[in-house]
Structures are given as C-alpha cells and as structure tokens.
Amino acid sequence: MITTEIVVVANRLPVTWIKNSDGSPELAVSPGGLVSAVTPVADQLGCSWVGWHDDASEADQQLGGIRLVPVHAVSELYDLYYKGFANHLARIPWALRDRTSV
C-alpha cells in the first residue's frame, strides 16, 4: 500500500513561540490568511509544515496534527529574501496588469 504525506511549504511556520511566566516556550497559532485557511485542513489530515521561524533553534514540534519543521536561516538572510526579493516579485503582476488595457 502506498501512503502519502501532505507537506505545506511556506515562508514561515504557522506559529509564534511565546514565553510563559516560568520561561518555558509555548506555541500559539499565528494570525494570517494562509495560516487561517490551511491550518484546519493540515491539522485534520496530519500534515507537515516546513517554514522559517526566527526561533528555529527549537526542534521539530507538533501543533495538534501538524508536524512543524523549522528551516534554519539567519535573520539577515531571511530579511534579504522575504522583505527584498519575494516582495519585489509580488509587485510584477500588478505592474503588468496596470500596463494592459482590459
């Protein structure tokens, strides 16, 4: 029997690590459109979610039925990619749309 696993690959993990009063880390679901739309399905199906997190020193963790797989990258490199390259690419479709007549 062939089994498959669904893997969500996104810029960021769908969680934020918060510190409890005793200093221990706790996972909280992050706000956002992709997280809101995909997390319930990923949780029910038991998916893996791969993405960057600024505290990626944490080992793989579980969020309900979702296995969180942090990608390790230094913040400066991530900022250059996400705030620079990726956001500039997102502007291209809008620029092309504005130059075409409908």
C-alpha atoms as a PDB file:
ATOM      1  CA  MET A   1       0.000   0.000   0.000  1.00  0.00           C
ATOM      2  CA  ILE A   2       1.321   3.423  -0.945  1.00  0.00           C
ATOM      3  CA  THR A   3       0.961   6.148   1.638  1.00  0.00           C
ATOM      4  CA  THR A   4       1.483   9.833   1.018  1.00  0.00           C
ATOM      5  CA  GLU A   5       2.091  12.746   3.291  1.00  0.00           C
ATOM      6  CA  ILE A   6       0.989  16.267   2.550  1.00  0.00           C
ATOM      7  CA  VAL A   7       3.706  18.825   3.156  1.00  0.00           C
ATOM      8  CA  VAL A   8       2.968  22.546   3.349  1.00  0.00           C
ATOM      9  CA  VAL A   9       5.991  24.654   2.391  1.00  0.00           C
ATOM     10  CA  ALA A  10       5.643  28.326   3.248  1.00  0.00           C
ATOM     11  CA  ASN A  11       7.833  31.293   4.087  1.00  0.00           C
ATOM     12  CA  ARG A  12       7.067  30.941   7.796  1.00  0.00           C
ATOM     13  CA  LEU A  13       5.794  28.371  10.229  1.00  0.00           C
ATOM     14  CA  PRO A  14       2.168  28.918  11.303  1.00  0.00           C
ATOM     15  CA  VAL A  15       3.148  29.542  14.916  1.00  0.00           C
ATOM     16  CA  THR A  16       4.687  32.021  17.276  1.00  0.00           C
ATOM     17  CA  TRP A  17       6.710  30.866  20.248  1.00  0.00           C
ATOM     18  CA  ILE A  18       5.725  32.779  23.361  1.00  0.00           C
ATOM     19  CA  LYS A  19       7.388  32.568  26.762  1.00  0.00           C
ATOM     20  CA  ASN A  20       5.272  31.545  29.727  1.00  0.00           C
ATOM     21  CA  SER A  21       5.733  33.237  33.095  1.00  0.00           C
ATOM     22  CA  ASP A  22       8.077  30.409  34.096  1.00  0.00           C
ATOM     23  CA  GLY A  23      10.187  30.979  30.959  1.00  0.00           C
ATOM     24  CA  SER A  24       9.070  27.839  29.167  1.00  0.00           C
ATOM     25  CA  PRO A  25       8.119  28.198  25.467  1.00  0.00           C
ATOM     26  CA  GLU A  26       4.539  27.713  24.287  1.00  0.00           C
ATOM     27  CA  LEU A  27       3.213  27.560  20.735  1.00  0.00           C
ATOM     28  CA  ALA A  28       0.452  29.908  19.609  1.00  0.00           C
ATOM     29  CA  VAL A  29      -1.134  29.917  16.143  1.00  0.00           C
ATOM     30  CA  SER A  30      -0.036  32.983  14.178  1.00  0.00           C
ATOM     31  CA  PRO A  31      -2.585  35.256  12.510  1.00  0.00           C
ATOM     32  CA  GLY A  32      -2.723  35.431   8.751  1.00  0.00           C
ATOM     33  CA  GLY A  33      -4.674  34.354   5.690  1.00  0.00           C
ATOM     34  CA  LEU A  34      -2.661  31.279   4.715  1.00  0.00           C
ATOM     35  CA  VAL A  35      -2.497  30.058   8.309  1.00  0.00           C
ATOM     36  CA  SER A  36      -6.229  30.603   8.838  1.00  0.00           C
ATOM     37  CA  ALA A  37      -7.131  28.812   5.614  1.00  0.00           C
ATOM     38  CA  VAL A  38      -4.726  25.864   5.682  1.00  0.00           C
ATOM     39  CA  THR A  39      -4.206  25.065   9.378  1.00  0.00           C
ATOM     40  CA  PRO A  40      -7.602  23.384   9.998  1.00  0.00           C
ATOM     41  CA  VAL A  41      -7.152  21.078   6.988  1.00  0.00           C
ATOM     42  CA  ALA A  42      -3.480  20.375   7.745  1.00  0.00           C
ATOM     43  CA  ASP A  43      -4.392  19.596  11.365  1.00  0.00           C
ATOM     44  CA  GLN A  44      -7.140  17.168  10.353  1.00  0.00           C
ATOM     45  CA  LEU A  45      -5.005  15.386   7.732  1.00  0.00           C
ATOM     46  CA  GLY A  46      -1.845  15.226   9.840  1.00  0.00           C
ATOM     47  CA  CYS A  47       0.469  17.223   7.566  1.00  0.00           C
ATOM     48  CA  SER A  48       3.997  18.545   7.935  1.00  0.00           C
ATOM     49  CA  TRP A  49       4.546  22.318   7.676  1.00  0.00           C
ATOM     50  CA  VAL A  50       8.015  23.455   6.604  1.00  0.00           C
ATOM     51  CA  GLY A  51       8.996  27.082   7.052  1.00  0.00           C
ATOM     52  CA  TRP A  52      11.302  29.622   8.622  1.00  0.00           C
ATOM     53  CA  HIS A  53      10.913  30.872  12.153  1.00  0.00           C
ATOM     54  CA  ASP A  54      13.066  33.416  13.957  1.00  0.00           C
ATOM     55  CA  ASP A  55      13.492  30.989  16.844  1.00  0.00           C
ATOM     56  CA  ALA A  56      14.256  27.964  14.684  1.00  0.00           C
ATOM     57  CA  SER A  57      16.646  26.608  17.273  1.00  0.00           C
ATOM     58  CA  GLU A  58      13.605  24.713  18.519  1.00  0.00           C
ATOM     59  CA  ALA A  59      13.446  21.099  17.348  1.00  0.00           C
ATOM     60  CA  ASP A  60      10.540  19.775  15.296  1.00  0.00           C
ATOM     61  CA  GLN A  61       7.337  20.242  17.279  1.00  0.00           C
ATOM     62  CA  GLN A  62       3.673  19.284  16.975  1.00  0.00           C
ATOM     63  CA  LEU A  63       0.767  21.700  16.740  1.00  0.00           C
ATOM     64  CA  GLY A  64      -2.230  19.394  17.019  1.00  0.00           C
ATOM     65  CA  GLY A  65      -1.926  17.120  13.990  1.00  0.00           C
ATOM     66  CA  ILE A  66       0.669  19.314  12.253  1.00  0.00           C
ATOM     67  CA  ARG A  67       4.363  18.471  12.473  1.00  0.00           C
ATOM     68  CA  LEU A  68       6.322  21.733  12.413  1.00  0.00           C
ATOM     69  CA  VAL A  69       9.651  21.551  10.584  1.00  0.00           C
ATOM     70  CA  PRO A  70      11.674  24.737  11.082  1.00  0.00           C
ATOM     71  CA  VAL A  71      14.123  25.856   8.408  1.00  0.00           C
ATOM     72  CA  HIS A  72      17.267  27.291   9.918  1.00  0.00           C
ATOM     73  CA  ALA A  73      18.399  30.604   8.391  1.00  0.00           C
ATOM     74  CA  VAL A  74      19.927  33.672   9.931  1.00  0.00           C
ATOM     75  CA  SER A  75      17.532  36.621  10.244  1.00  0.00           C
ATOM     76  CA  GLU A  76      19.576  38.842   7.929  1.00  0.00           C
ATOM     77  CA  LEU A  77      19.429  36.302   5.092  1.00  0.00           C
ATOM     78  CA  TYR A  78      15.713  35.794   5.564  1.00  0.00           C
ATOM     79  CA  ASP A  79      15.116  39.564   5.579  1.00  0.00           C
ATOM     80  CA  LEU A  80      17.028  39.942   2.301  1.00  0.00           C
ATOM     81  CA  TYR A  81      14.900  37.203   0.726  1.00  0.00           C
ATOM     82  CA  TYR A  82      11.462  37.929   2.152  1.00  0.00           C
ATOM     83  CA  LYS A  83      11.488  41.708   2.536  1.00  0.00           C
ATOM     84  CA  GLY A  84      13.531  42.212  -0.605  1.00  0.00           C
ATOM     85  CA  PHE A  85      13.396  39.603  -3.356  1.00  0.00           C
ATOM     86  CA  ALA A  86       9.999  37.984  -2.655  1.00  0.00           C
ATOM     87  CA  ASN A  87       8.111  41.230  -2.070  1.00  0.00           C
ATOM     88  CA  HIS A  88       9.559  42.796  -5.222  1.00  0.00           C
ATOM     89  CA  LEU A  89       8.466  39.765  -7.264  1.00  0.00           C
ATOM     90  CA  ALA A  90       4.935  40.127  -5.894  1.00  0.00           C
ATOM     91  CA  ARG A  91       4.712  43.599  -7.443  1.00  0.00           C
ATOM     92  CA  ILE A  92       5.330  42.359 -11.006  1.00  0.00           C
ATOM     93  CA  PRO A  93       1.799  41.014 -11.736  1.00  0.00           C
ATOM     94  CA  TRP A  94       0.264  44.268 -10.528  1.00  0.00           C
ATOM     95  CA  ALA A  95       2.612  46.341 -12.666  1.00  0.00           C
ATOM     96  CA  LEU A  96       1.786  44.213 -15.723  1.00  0.00           C
ATOM     97  CA  ARG A  97      -1.937  44.485 -15.029  1.00  0.00           C
ATOM     98  CA  ASP A  98      -1.724  48.275 -14.781  1.00  0.00           C
ATOM     99  CA  ARG A  99       0.014  48.461 -18.182  1.00  0.00           C
ATOM    100  CA  THR A 100      -2.557  46.422 -20.058  1.00  0.00           C
ATOM    101  CA  SER A 101      -5.965  47.615 -21.116  1.00  0.00           C
ATOM    102  CA  VAL A 102      -8.953  45.467 -20.337  1.00  0.00           C
END
